[in-house]
N, C-alpha and C. Protein backbone atom coordinates (compact mmCIF):
# COMPACT_ATOMS: atom_id res chain seq x y z
N UNK A 1 0.63 -1.62 0.14
CA UNK A 1 -0.04 0.01 0.03
C UNK A 1 0.82 1.16 0.01
N UNK A 2 1.77 1.44 0.72
CA UNK A 2 2.86 2.31 1.04
C UNK A 2 3.50 2.51 -0.35
N UNK A 3 3.60 1.37 -1.30
CA UNK A 3 4.14 1.50 -2.55
C UNK A 3 3.28 2.36 -3.21
N UNK A 4 2.01 2.05 -3.14
CA UNK A 4 1.08 2.70 -4.03
C UNK A 4 0.83 4.15 -4.06
N UNK A 5 1.09 4.35 -2.99
CA UNK A 5 0.66 5.86 -2.45
C UNK A 5 2.07 6.54 -2.82
N UNK A 6 3.03 5.77 -2.78
CA UNK A 6 4.37 6.57 -3.47
C UNK A 6 4.09 6.62 -4.83
N UNK A 7 3.61 6.19 -5.83
CA UNK A 7 3.44 6.03 -6.77
C UNK A 7 2.40 7.28 -7.40
N UNK A 8 1.45 7.34 -6.70
CA UNK A 8 0.35 8.53 -6.60
C UNK A 8 0.92 9.91 -6.65
N UNK A 9 2.25 9.75 -5.57
CA UNK A 9 2.28 10.93 -5.26
C UNK A 9 3.55 11.43 -6.32
N UNK A 10 4.13 10.58 -6.83
CA UNK A 10 5.06 10.75 -8.25
C UNK A 10 4.40 11.04 -9.02
N UNK A 11 3.09 10.50 -9.61
CA UNK A 11 2.48 10.93 -10.65
C UNK A 11 1.99 12.58 -10.41
N UNK A 12 1.16 12.66 -9.32
CA UNK A 12 0.87 13.77 -8.88
C UNK A 12 2.15 15.15 -9.20
N UNK A 13 2.93 14.86 -8.82
CA UNK A 13 4.44 15.71 -9.03
C UNK A 13 4.56 15.81 -10.12
N UNK A 14 4.70 14.85 -10.90
CA UNK A 14 4.81 14.90 -12.52
C UNK A 14 3.88 15.85 -13.42
N UNK A 15 2.36 15.61 -12.92
CA UNK A 15 1.60 16.73 -13.63
C UNK A 15 1.56 18.16 -13.05
N UNK A 16 1.85 18.44 -11.51
CA UNK A 16 2.12 19.68 -11.24
C UNK A 16 3.33 20.22 -12.13
N UNK A 17 4.12 19.61 -12.20
CA UNK A 17 5.77 20.63 -12.73
C UNK A 17 5.36 20.54 -14.27
N UNK A 18 4.61 19.63 -14.84
CA UNK A 18 4.32 19.93 -15.97
C UNK A 18 3.77 21.36 -16.55
N UNK A 19 3.36 21.89 -15.21
CA UNK A 19 2.82 23.20 -15.48
C UNK A 19 1.52 23.05 -17.08
N UNK A 20 0.58 22.28 -16.67
CA UNK A 20 -0.37 22.26 -17.68
C UNK A 20 -0.60 23.50 -18.17
N UNK A 21 -0.98 23.73 -19.63
CA UNK A 21 -1.60 24.65 -20.06
C UNK A 21 -0.52 26.11 -19.87
N UNK A 22 0.71 25.96 -20.02
CA UNK A 22 1.41 26.94 -19.79
C UNK A 22 2.85 26.71 -20.24
N UNK A 23 3.75 27.94 -20.40
CA UNK A 23 4.85 27.80 -21.32
C UNK A 23 6.16 28.08 -20.32
N UNK A 24 6.09 27.80 -19.03
CA UNK A 24 6.88 28.09 -17.91
C UNK A 24 7.95 26.75 -17.85
N UNK A 25 9.03 26.85 -18.12
CA UNK A 25 9.75 25.73 -18.42
C UNK A 25 10.87 25.78 -17.13
N UNK A 26 11.82 24.62 -17.08
CA UNK A 26 12.79 24.65 -15.68
C UNK A 26 13.95 25.69 -16.22
N UNK A 27 14.57 26.13 -15.19
CA UNK A 27 15.61 27.13 -15.74
C UNK A 27 16.36 27.38 -14.55
N UNK A 28 17.41 28.33 -14.41
CA UNK A 28 18.22 28.62 -13.48
C UNK A 28 18.25 30.06 -13.60
N UNK A 29 18.50 31.13 -12.46
CA UNK A 29 18.55 32.20 -12.37
C UNK A 29 19.60 32.93 -11.56
N UNK A 30 20.06 33.99 -11.79
CA UNK A 30 21.22 34.34 -11.17
C UNK A 30 21.22 35.70 -10.46
N UNK A 31 21.50 35.76 -9.05
CA UNK A 31 21.49 37.16 -8.55
C UNK A 31 22.65 37.92 -8.91
N UNK A 32 22.39 39.10 -8.18
CA UNK A 32 23.27 40.51 -8.33
C UNK A 32 24.64 39.97 -8.13
N UNK A 33 25.04 39.05 -7.14
CA UNK A 33 26.26 38.61 -6.77
C UNK A 33 26.72 37.45 -7.61
N UNK A 34 25.83 37.02 -8.60
CA UNK A 34 26.58 36.14 -9.55
C UNK A 34 26.21 34.60 -8.78
N UNK A 35 25.43 34.29 -7.74
CA UNK A 35 24.77 33.19 -7.37
C UNK A 35 23.60 32.72 -8.21
N UNK A 36 24.01 31.15 -8.60
CA UNK A 36 22.91 30.53 -9.82
C UNK A 36 22.10 29.73 -8.81
N UNK A 37 20.89 30.28 -9.14
CA UNK A 37 19.92 28.99 -8.34
C UNK A 37 18.83 28.22 -9.58
N UNK A 38 18.80 27.10 -9.31
CA UNK A 38 17.82 25.77 -10.17
C UNK A 38 16.31 26.65 -9.64
N UNK A 39 15.63 26.45 -10.71
CA UNK A 39 14.13 26.93 -10.63
C UNK A 39 13.20 25.79 -11.16
N UNK A 40 12.11 25.50 -10.63
CA UNK A 40 10.85 24.46 -11.47
C UNK A 40 9.64 25.15 -11.47
N UNK A 41 8.82 24.88 -12.96
CA UNK A 41 7.91 25.21 -12.96
C UNK A 41 6.51 24.63 -12.00
N UNK A 42 5.52 25.41 -11.50
CA UNK A 42 4.96 24.92 -10.68
C UNK A 42 3.43 25.81 -10.96
N UNK A 43 2.51 25.12 -12.27
CA UNK A 43 1.47 25.42 -12.39
C UNK A 43 1.37 27.22 -12.97
N UNK A 44 2.36 27.57 -13.87
CA UNK A 44 2.07 28.67 -14.61
C UNK A 44 2.98 29.51 -13.64
N UNK A 45 3.91 29.26 -12.89
CA UNK A 45 5.15 30.23 -12.09
C UNK A 45 6.19 29.37 -12.04
N UNK A 46 7.33 30.13 -11.78
CA UNK A 46 8.61 29.14 -11.80
C UNK A 46 9.27 29.66 -10.26
N UNK A 47 9.43 28.77 -9.30
CA UNK A 47 10.02 28.86 -8.21
C UNK A 47 11.52 28.38 -7.87
N UNK A 48 11.96 29.10 -7.46
CA UNK A 48 13.72 28.42 -6.90
C UNK A 48 13.47 27.53 -6.25
N UNK A 49 14.30 26.61 -6.53
CA UNK A 49 14.47 25.44 -5.40
C UNK A 49 15.65 25.56 -4.86
N UNK A 50 16.31 26.74 -4.22
CA UNK A 50 17.42 26.88 -3.22
C UNK A 50 16.99 28.17 -2.59
N UNK A 51 17.48 27.86 -1.42
CA UNK A 51 17.40 29.78 -0.76
C UNK A 51 18.37 30.58 -1.10
N UNK A 52 17.74 31.64 -0.91
CA UNK A 52 18.42 33.02 -1.25
C UNK A 52 19.57 33.18 -0.77
N UNK A 53 20.62 33.54 -1.42
CA UNK A 53 22.07 33.50 -0.86
C UNK A 53 22.66 34.98 -1.38
N UNK A 54 22.40 36.34 -1.50
CA UNK A 54 22.51 37.23 -1.98
C UNK A 54 22.40 38.26 -0.87
N UNK A 55 23.84 39.12 -1.15
CA UNK A 55 24.42 39.70 -0.07
C UNK A 55 24.26 41.52 -0.55
N UNK A 56 23.76 41.42 -1.58
CA UNK A 56 23.57 42.79 -2.12
C UNK A 56 21.94 43.19 -2.46
N UNK A 57 21.61 44.28 -2.41
CA UNK A 57 20.23 44.50 -3.17
C UNK A 57 20.38 44.56 -4.75
N UNK A 58 19.47 44.61 -5.65
CA UNK A 58 19.16 44.55 -7.13
C UNK A 58 20.02 45.86 -7.60
N UNK A 59 20.25 46.72 -6.84
CA UNK A 59 20.67 47.94 -7.50
C UNK A 59 22.38 48.04 -6.97
N UNK A 60 22.73 46.68 -6.23
CA UNK A 60 24.30 46.75 -5.91
C UNK A 60 24.39 47.30 -4.40
N UNK A 61 23.56 47.92 -3.68
CA UNK A 61 24.03 48.45 -2.49
C UNK A 61 24.06 46.99 -1.60
N UNK A 62 24.77 47.22 -0.61
CA UNK A 62 25.09 46.08 0.42
C UNK A 62 23.89 45.71 1.25
N UNK A 63 23.62 44.64 1.53
CA UNK A 63 22.46 44.39 2.69
C UNK A 63 23.39 44.16 3.93
N UNK A 64 23.17 44.98 5.10
CA UNK A 64 23.69 44.84 6.40
C UNK A 64 24.00 43.66 6.90
N UNK A 65 25.29 43.31 7.04
CA UNK A 65 25.55 41.98 7.80
C UNK A 65 25.72 42.11 9.22
N UNK A 66 24.45 41.50 9.89
CA UNK A 66 24.38 41.56 11.36
C UNK A 66 24.99 40.62 11.70
N UNK A 67 25.72 40.32 12.91
CA UNK A 67 26.27 39.16 13.39
C UNK A 67 25.87 39.21 14.90
N UNK A 68 26.27 39.96 15.78
CA UNK A 68 26.29 39.84 17.04
C UNK A 68 24.62 40.25 17.43
N UNK A 69 24.12 39.79 18.54
CA UNK A 69 22.79 40.42 18.76
C UNK A 69 22.28 41.53 18.95
N UNK A 70 23.45 42.24 19.11
CA UNK A 70 23.42 43.72 19.32
C UNK A 70 23.33 44.15 17.99
N UNK A 71 24.01 44.03 17.27
CA UNK A 71 23.86 44.40 15.75
C UNK A 71 22.49 44.12 14.86
N UNK A 72 22.03 42.69 15.41
CA UNK A 72 20.83 42.45 14.76
C UNK A 72 19.61 43.22 15.26
N UNK A 73 19.81 43.29 16.65
CA UNK A 73 18.76 44.44 17.42
C UNK A 73 19.08 45.76 16.73
N UNK A 74 19.95 46.24 16.48
CA UNK A 74 20.26 47.61 16.19
C UNK A 74 19.41 47.80 14.69
N UNK A 75 19.68 46.82 13.91
CA UNK A 75 19.04 46.71 12.50
C UNK A 75 17.59 46.74 12.80
N UNK A 76 17.05 46.03 13.75
CA UNK A 76 15.56 46.01 13.45
C UNK A 76 14.91 47.22 14.24
N UNK A 77 16.00 47.42 15.05
CA UNK A 77 15.65 49.24 15.53
C UNK A 77 15.16 50.19 14.27
N UNK A 78 16.38 50.22 13.48
CA UNK A 78 16.22 51.27 12.39
C UNK A 78 15.33 50.64 11.30
N UNK A 79 15.19 49.52 11.59
CA UNK A 79 14.20 49.32 10.24
C UNK A 79 14.88 48.69 9.17
N UNK A 80 16.18 48.72 9.48
CA UNK A 80 17.25 48.15 7.96
C UNK A 80 17.19 46.87 8.01
N UNK A 81 17.25 46.59 6.73
CA UNK A 81 17.18 45.01 6.18
C UNK A 81 18.87 44.59 6.63
N UNK A 82 18.71 43.11 6.84
CA UNK A 82 20.06 42.51 7.56
C UNK A 82 20.22 41.28 7.23
N UNK A 83 21.00 40.66 6.96
CA UNK A 83 21.23 39.25 6.98
C UNK A 83 22.19 38.62 7.83
N UNK A 84 22.30 37.04 7.75
CA UNK A 84 23.17 36.54 8.65
C UNK A 84 23.31 35.19 8.35
N UNK A 85 24.19 34.51 8.34
CA UNK A 85 24.20 32.76 8.47
C UNK A 85 23.68 32.40 9.85
N UNK A 86 23.10 31.53 9.68
CA UNK A 86 22.75 30.41 11.01
C UNK A 86 24.13 30.27 11.92
N UNK A 87 23.74 30.75 13.17
CA UNK A 87 25.08 30.89 13.81
C UNK A 87 26.36 31.66 13.61
N UNK A 88 26.11 32.45 12.64
CA UNK A 88 26.95 33.35 11.90
C UNK A 88 28.03 32.17 11.44
N UNK A 89 28.05 31.06 11.01
CA UNK A 89 28.76 30.19 10.46
C UNK A 89 28.67 30.28 8.84
N UNK A 90 29.87 30.57 8.19
CA UNK A 90 29.67 30.76 6.42
C UNK A 90 29.58 29.06 6.17
N UNK A 91 30.26 28.24 7.19
CA UNK A 91 29.67 26.82 6.79
C UNK A 91 28.46 26.23 6.15
N UNK A 92 27.41 27.27 6.76
CA UNK A 92 25.82 27.15 6.12
C UNK A 92 25.65 27.80 4.97
N UNK A 93 26.70 28.28 4.37
CA UNK A 93 26.20 29.14 3.24
C UNK A 93 25.88 28.15 1.84
N UNK A 94 26.26 27.30 1.52
CA UNK A 94 25.82 26.26 0.15
C UNK A 94 24.54 25.61 0.84
N UNK A 95 24.52 25.36 1.71
CA UNK A 95 23.43 24.21 2.10
C UNK A 95 22.09 24.93 2.45
N UNK A 96 22.33 26.14 3.02
CA UNK A 96 21.09 26.70 3.75
C UNK A 96 20.92 28.03 3.19
N UNK A 97 22.04 28.78 2.59
CA UNK A 97 21.59 29.86 2.42
C UNK A 97 21.84 31.13 3.53
N UNK A 98 21.24 32.37 3.02
CA UNK A 98 21.03 33.46 4.36
C UNK A 98 19.62 33.45 5.02
N UNK A 99 19.75 34.28 6.34
CA UNK A 99 18.66 34.52 6.91
C UNK A 99 18.62 35.81 6.82
N UNK A 100 17.02 36.31 6.26
CA UNK A 100 17.28 38.00 6.43
C UNK A 100 15.90 38.17 7.36
N UNK A 101 15.76 39.44 7.78
CA UNK A 101 14.67 39.81 8.48
C UNK A 101 13.80 40.59 7.18
N UNK A 102 12.60 41.13 7.69
CA UNK A 102 11.66 41.39 6.92
C UNK A 102 12.00 42.82 6.07
N UNK A 103 12.51 43.49 7.10
CA UNK A 103 13.11 44.73 6.31
C UNK A 103 14.00 44.60 4.89
N UNK A 104 14.78 43.36 5.06
CA UNK A 104 15.39 43.34 3.46
C UNK A 104 14.55 42.84 2.54
N UNK A 105 13.74 42.00 3.10
CA UNK A 105 12.68 41.30 2.01
C UNK A 105 11.92 42.65 1.57
N UNK A 106 11.50 43.71 2.42
CA UNK A 106 10.73 44.92 2.18
C UNK A 106 11.28 45.95 1.36
N UNK A 107 12.58 45.85 1.43
CA UNK A 107 13.24 47.23 0.67
C UNK A 107 12.63 47.36 -0.82
N UNK A 108 12.86 48.58 -0.75
CA UNK A 108 12.23 49.01 -2.12
C UNK A 108 13.39 48.82 -3.24
N UNK A 109 14.83 48.54 -2.61
CA UNK A 109 15.97 48.47 -3.79
C UNK A 109 15.76 47.22 -4.26
N UNK A 110 15.35 45.89 -4.02
CA UNK A 110 14.91 44.71 -4.25
C UNK A 110 15.87 43.71 -3.96
N UNK A 111 15.44 42.85 -3.19
CA UNK A 111 16.16 41.37 -2.69
C UNK A 111 16.06 40.59 -3.57
N UNK A 112 15.32 40.56 -4.43
CA UNK A 112 15.26 39.19 -5.34
C UNK A 112 15.98 39.67 -6.67
N UNK A 113 16.12 38.73 -7.39
CA UNK A 113 16.87 38.79 -8.92
C UNK A 113 15.94 39.69 -9.82
N UNK A 114 16.31 40.19 -10.64
CA UNK A 114 15.66 41.09 -11.60
C UNK A 114 14.65 39.95 -12.33
N UNK A 115 13.45 40.63 -12.37
CA UNK A 115 12.32 39.89 -13.04
C UNK A 115 11.95 39.04 -12.17
N UNK A 116 12.52 38.80 -10.76
CA UNK A 116 11.70 37.83 -10.24
C UNK A 116 11.05 38.88 -8.67
N UNK A 117 10.29 38.03 -7.65
CA UNK A 117 9.73 38.61 -6.73
C UNK A 117 9.76 37.90 -5.59
N UNK A 118 9.90 38.24 -4.34
CA UNK A 118 9.75 37.77 -3.11
C UNK A 118 8.20 37.07 -2.86
N UNK A 119 7.62 35.92 -2.85
CA UNK A 119 6.34 35.07 -3.07
C UNK A 119 5.60 36.14 -1.82
N UNK A 120 4.33 36.44 -2.41
CA UNK A 120 3.27 36.85 -1.37
C UNK A 120 2.54 35.97 -0.79
N UNK A 121 1.86 36.10 0.04
CA UNK A 121 1.36 34.90 0.82
C UNK A 121 0.33 34.44 -0.17
N UNK A 122 -0.30 35.10 -1.35
CA UNK A 122 -0.91 34.51 -2.14
C UNK A 122 -0.52 33.57 -3.23
N UNK A 123 0.87 33.79 -3.14
CA UNK A 123 1.84 32.74 -4.44
C UNK A 123 2.03 31.73 -3.56
N UNK A 124 2.28 31.80 -2.20
CA UNK A 124 2.57 30.57 -1.28
C UNK A 124 1.40 29.92 -1.35
N UNK A 125 0.15 30.16 -1.24
CA UNK A 125 -1.08 29.64 -1.33
C UNK A 125 -1.29 28.79 -2.63
N UNK A 126 -0.82 29.63 -3.82
CA UNK A 126 -1.03 28.91 -5.16
C UNK A 126 -0.26 27.62 -5.35
N UNK A 127 1.01 28.10 -4.52
CA UNK A 127 2.09 26.80 -4.51
C UNK A 127 1.64 25.55 -3.48
N UNK A 128 1.22 25.69 -2.14
CA UNK A 128 0.83 24.50 -1.75
C UNK A 128 -0.52 23.75 -2.19
N UNK A 129 -1.48 24.95 -2.58
CA UNK A 129 -2.56 24.32 -3.76
C UNK A 129 -1.98 23.44 -4.42
N UNK A 130 -1.16 23.80 -5.45
CA UNK A 130 -0.48 22.92 -6.48
C UNK A 130 -0.11 21.51 -6.18
N UNK A 131 0.69 21.75 -5.29
CA UNK A 131 1.15 20.36 -4.27
C UNK A 131 0.22 19.55 -3.16
N UNK A 132 -1.05 19.60 -3.78
CA UNK A 132 -1.77 19.07 -2.81
C UNK A 132 -2.61 19.39 -1.46
N UNK A 133 -2.38 20.91 -1.62
CA UNK A 133 -2.84 21.43 -0.16
C UNK A 133 -1.83 21.16 0.64
N UNK A 134 -1.97 22.33 1.89
CA UNK A 134 -0.87 22.62 3.11
C UNK A 134 -0.89 21.47 3.80
N UNK A 135 -1.67 20.39 3.89
CA UNK A 135 -1.46 19.09 4.61
C UNK A 135 -0.42 18.06 4.19
N UNK A 136 -0.65 18.04 2.75
CA UNK A 136 0.50 17.03 2.39
C UNK A 136 1.46 17.85 1.59
N UNK A 137 1.68 19.20 1.41
CA UNK A 137 2.34 19.67 0.14
C UNK A 137 3.83 19.36 0.48
N UNK A 138 4.29 19.49 1.37
CA UNK A 138 5.89 19.45 2.05
C UNK A 138 6.28 18.04 1.34
N UNK A 139 5.90 16.65 1.57
CA UNK A 139 6.01 15.50 0.66
C UNK A 139 6.10 15.93 -0.64
N UNK A 140 5.30 16.67 -1.25
CA UNK A 140 5.31 16.61 -3.01
C UNK A 140 6.15 17.80 -3.01
N UNK A 141 6.38 18.39 -2.48
CA UNK A 141 7.40 19.54 -3.00
C UNK A 141 8.82 18.55 -2.67
N UNK A 142 9.23 17.50 -1.91
CA UNK A 142 10.74 17.16 -1.88
C UNK A 142 10.45 15.98 -3.21
N UNK A 143 9.41 15.56 -3.27
CA UNK A 143 9.18 14.66 -4.61
C UNK A 143 9.79 15.21 -6.04
N UNK A 144 9.24 16.62 -5.80
CA UNK A 144 9.39 17.53 -7.08
C UNK A 144 10.97 18.05 -6.98
N UNK A 145 11.66 17.92 -5.96
CA UNK A 145 13.17 18.59 -6.23
C UNK A 145 12.71 19.94 -6.05
N UNK A 146 11.20 20.55 -5.28
CA UNK A 146 11.45 21.69 -4.86
C UNK A 146 12.38 21.85 -3.62
N UNK A 147 12.40 21.05 -2.80
CA UNK A 147 13.33 21.04 -1.95
C UNK A 147 14.57 20.01 -1.92
N UNK A 148 15.93 20.38 -1.61
CA UNK A 148 17.01 19.29 -2.33
C UNK A 148 17.12 18.00 -1.77
N UNK A 149 16.49 17.30 -1.05
CA UNK A 149 16.74 16.53 -0.43
C UNK A 149 15.66 15.32 -0.46
N UNK A 150 15.99 14.14 -0.40
CA UNK A 150 14.80 13.22 -0.38
C UNK A 150 13.99 13.30 1.21
N UNK A 151 14.79 13.70 2.42
CA UNK A 151 14.20 13.80 3.27
C UNK A 151 13.15 15.11 3.30
N UNK A 152 11.86 14.61 4.19
CA UNK A 152 11.35 16.30 4.35
C UNK A 152 11.97 17.45 5.07
N UNK A 153 12.32 18.42 4.27
CA UNK A 153 12.73 19.77 4.76
C UNK A 153 14.49 19.66 5.01
N UNK A 154 15.09 18.13 5.27
CA UNK A 154 16.25 18.37 5.16
C UNK A 154 16.90 18.80 4.38
N UNK A 155 18.18 19.49 4.61
CA UNK A 155 19.22 20.00 3.37
C UNK A 155 18.56 21.61 3.14
N UNK A 156 17.17 21.97 3.52
CA UNK A 156 16.72 23.33 3.75
C UNK A 156 16.14 23.79 4.56
N UNK A 157 16.47 23.09 5.99
CA UNK A 157 15.87 23.90 6.93
C UNK A 157 16.75 24.49 7.49
N UNK A 158 16.97 25.48 7.26
CA UNK A 158 17.71 26.41 7.86
C UNK A 158 17.51 27.13 9.35
N UNK A 159 16.47 26.65 9.76
CA UNK A 159 16.16 27.10 11.22
C UNK A 159 15.57 28.95 10.69
N UNK A 160 15.66 29.60 12.22
CA UNK A 160 15.23 31.07 12.12
C UNK A 160 16.64 31.84 13.18
N UNK A 161 16.31 32.88 12.81
CA UNK A 161 17.23 33.74 13.89
C UNK A 161 15.92 34.89 14.60
N UNK A 162 15.75 34.61 15.66
CA UNK A 162 14.93 35.26 16.69
C UNK A 162 15.34 36.81 16.83
N UNK A 163 14.50 37.48 17.02
CA UNK A 163 14.28 39.21 17.29
C UNK A 163 15.53 39.37 18.46
N UNK A 164 16.06 38.45 19.60
CA UNK A 164 16.99 38.70 20.27
C UNK A 164 18.33 38.27 19.87
N UNK A 165 18.30 37.75 18.50
CA UNK A 165 19.62 37.38 18.02
C UNK A 165 19.94 35.64 18.35
N UNK A 166 19.05 35.20 19.03
CA UNK A 166 19.16 33.66 19.09
C UNK A 166 18.85 32.99 18.05
N UNK A 167 19.62 31.73 17.71
CA UNK A 167 19.21 30.95 16.55
C UNK A 167 18.50 29.39 16.79
N UNK A 168 17.36 29.16 16.57
CA UNK A 168 16.93 27.70 16.62
C UNK A 168 16.40 26.94 15.29
N UNK A 169 16.26 25.56 15.55
CA UNK A 169 15.66 24.81 14.57
C UNK A 169 16.43 24.25 13.35
N UNK A 170 17.90 24.70 13.10
CA UNK A 170 18.23 24.33 11.85
C UNK A 170 18.17 22.90 11.83
N UNK A 171 17.99 22.24 10.87
CA UNK A 171 18.02 20.82 10.57
C UNK A 171 16.76 20.07 10.80
N UNK A 172 15.84 21.08 11.25
CA UNK A 172 14.59 20.30 11.59
C UNK A 172 13.39 21.24 11.27
N UNK A 173 13.74 22.54 10.62
CA UNK A 173 12.34 23.32 10.32
C UNK A 173 13.13 24.52 9.30
N UNK A 174 12.43 24.67 8.30
CA UNK A 174 12.38 25.45 7.32
C UNK A 174 11.53 26.78 7.55
N UNK A 175 11.84 28.07 7.42
CA UNK A 175 10.96 29.10 7.74
C UNK A 175 11.39 30.19 6.64
N UNK A 176 10.32 30.59 5.86
CA UNK A 176 10.33 31.26 4.77
C UNK A 176 9.43 32.60 4.71
N UNK A 177 10.07 33.86 4.17
CA UNK A 177 9.31 34.84 4.25
C UNK A 177 8.06 34.81 2.93
N UNK A 178 7.08 35.80 3.23
CA UNK A 178 6.08 36.28 1.84
C UNK A 178 6.62 37.65 1.99
N UNK A 179 5.94 38.32 1.30
CA UNK A 179 6.09 39.66 1.48
C UNK A 179 4.74 40.68 1.83
N UNK A 180 3.93 39.83 2.32
CA UNK A 180 2.59 40.10 2.75
C UNK A 180 2.61 40.44 3.89
N UNK A 181 2.04 41.61 4.52
CA UNK A 181 1.97 41.82 5.88
C UNK A 181 0.83 41.09 6.33
N UNK A 182 0.67 40.90 7.84
CA UNK A 182 -0.22 40.51 8.86
C UNK A 182 -0.74 41.76 9.33
N UNK A 183 -0.19 42.19 10.44
CA UNK A 183 -0.61 43.30 11.19
C UNK A 183 0.75 44.16 11.45
N UNK A 184 0.55 45.07 12.01
CA UNK A 184 1.68 46.05 12.33
C UNK A 184 2.77 45.14 13.03
N UNK A 185 4.41 45.10 12.39
CA UNK A 185 5.15 44.51 13.12
C UNK A 185 5.09 43.18 12.85
N UNK A 186 4.43 42.58 11.77
CA UNK A 186 4.35 41.16 11.64
C UNK A 186 4.03 40.80 10.22
N UNK A 187 4.72 40.09 9.62
CA UNK A 187 4.25 39.13 8.13
C UNK A 187 4.10 38.15 8.19
N UNK A 188 3.47 37.76 7.02
CA UNK A 188 3.19 35.99 6.98
C UNK A 188 4.42 35.21 6.59
N UNK A 189 4.37 34.50 7.09
CA UNK A 189 5.54 33.14 6.59
C UNK A 189 4.78 31.82 6.31
N UNK A 190 6.07 30.92 5.80
CA UNK A 190 5.60 29.55 5.90
C UNK A 190 6.56 28.71 6.78
N UNK A 191 6.39 27.63 7.49
CA UNK A 191 7.02 26.86 8.26
C UNK A 191 6.92 25.31 7.89
N UNK A 192 7.92 24.58 7.59
CA UNK A 192 7.60 23.16 7.11
C UNK A 192 8.59 22.72 8.12
N UNK A 193 8.32 21.33 8.73
CA UNK A 193 9.21 20.96 9.54
C UNK A 193 9.45 19.13 8.92
N UNK A 194 10.42 18.74 9.47
CA UNK A 194 10.79 17.26 9.16
C UNK A 194 10.14 16.32 9.83
N UNK A 195 9.20 16.44 10.63
CA UNK A 195 8.23 15.59 11.22
C UNK A 195 7.29 15.50 11.13
N UNK A 196 6.60 16.14 9.79
CA UNK A 196 5.26 15.99 9.16
C UNK A 196 5.53 16.44 7.77
N UNK A 197 4.38 16.43 7.05
CA UNK A 197 4.08 16.69 5.77
C UNK A 197 3.57 18.17 5.65
N UNK A 198 3.18 18.69 6.65
CA UNK A 198 2.30 20.16 6.32
C UNK A 198 3.36 21.43 6.17
N UNK A 199 2.80 22.37 5.10
CA UNK A 199 3.25 23.55 4.88
C UNK A 199 2.40 24.59 5.85
N UNK A 200 3.00 24.91 7.16
CA UNK A 200 2.25 25.69 7.87
C UNK A 200 2.23 26.98 7.51
N UNK A 201 1.10 28.15 7.71
CA UNK A 201 1.24 29.28 7.47
C UNK A 201 0.93 29.87 8.82
N UNK A 202 2.25 30.92 9.10
CA UNK A 202 2.00 31.76 10.20
C UNK A 202 2.40 32.83 10.00
N UNK A 203 2.08 33.88 11.13
CA UNK A 203 2.84 35.18 11.12
C UNK A 203 3.90 35.16 11.90
N UNK A 204 5.19 36.09 11.73
CA UNK A 204 6.21 36.02 12.42
C UNK A 204 6.53 37.54 12.58
N UNK A 205 7.11 38.05 13.34
CA UNK A 205 7.71 39.40 13.77
C UNK A 205 8.89 39.46 12.68
N UNK A 206 8.70 40.95 12.36
CA UNK A 206 9.40 41.26 11.16
C UNK A 206 11.01 41.52 11.45
N UNK A 207 11.32 41.39 12.98
CA UNK A 207 12.56 41.53 13.35
C UNK A 207 13.07 39.85 13.26
N UNK A 208 12.72 38.95 13.17
CA UNK A 208 13.22 37.70 12.90
C UNK A 208 13.72 37.45 11.85
N UNK A 209 14.86 36.61 11.64
CA UNK A 209 15.58 36.29 10.37
C UNK A 209 15.20 34.26 9.62
N UNK A 210 14.55 34.89 8.53
CA UNK A 210 14.08 33.64 8.11
C UNK A 210 14.57 33.28 6.39
N UNK A 211 14.62 32.49 5.87
CA UNK A 211 15.31 31.83 4.51
C UNK A 211 14.25 32.69 3.43
N UNK A 212 14.53 32.65 2.23
CA UNK A 212 13.82 33.26 1.17
C UNK A 212 13.97 32.22 0.06
N UNK A 213 12.69 32.56 -0.60
CA UNK A 213 12.64 31.98 -2.02
C UNK A 213 12.12 32.62 -2.72
N UNK A 214 12.45 33.03 -4.31
CA UNK A 214 12.04 33.61 -5.05
C UNK A 214 11.00 33.00 -6.29
N UNK A 215 10.18 33.98 -6.78
CA UNK A 215 9.08 33.46 -7.56
C UNK A 215 9.21 34.40 -9.11
N UNK A 216 8.56 33.64 -10.00
CA UNK A 216 8.62 34.19 -11.21
C UNK A 216 7.21 34.18 -11.68
């Protein structure tokens, strides 16, 4: 029975990635720093399959690199965009990319590559709907190589940095920004755990540091 459902999941994934009725094809995209990302088609959209790792805005201005808790808090207090690696270790660069606060995501100079955007809450709804709904989306995303490991969320579960500068959940949870506001000081995000197949919709403090995927 497990094999039967595995086959169904694979067939479902192929149908999703075929982009039925669209002309969207698998591709790569480069950011302003020259980093190259894989992308896959999902029902008329093109999504990065890797976490963003850029350190400059689209116009070339540097994004603040905030290492210490004091620097992270100062960036938030000034509503400045900031990035870091998990636990400030460059060893996390290739596998997990950078963590950004929401001020970087929302900066008018542009965080995403040219022609791409930070996905809105509606974009994420489109994505989880295409992958079978939020209760099952994580499994199908893995099968589709939307995430780069055969294990749920592994390989992209870059954790997050809290507003006080502390780090949590690398290796077990991936947290992803949307460009959509929730209420003052909070924005919508998505959370995927290695413990289940659910793509959770949550709100989170703009001062937190989360991963970013881009869409076109």
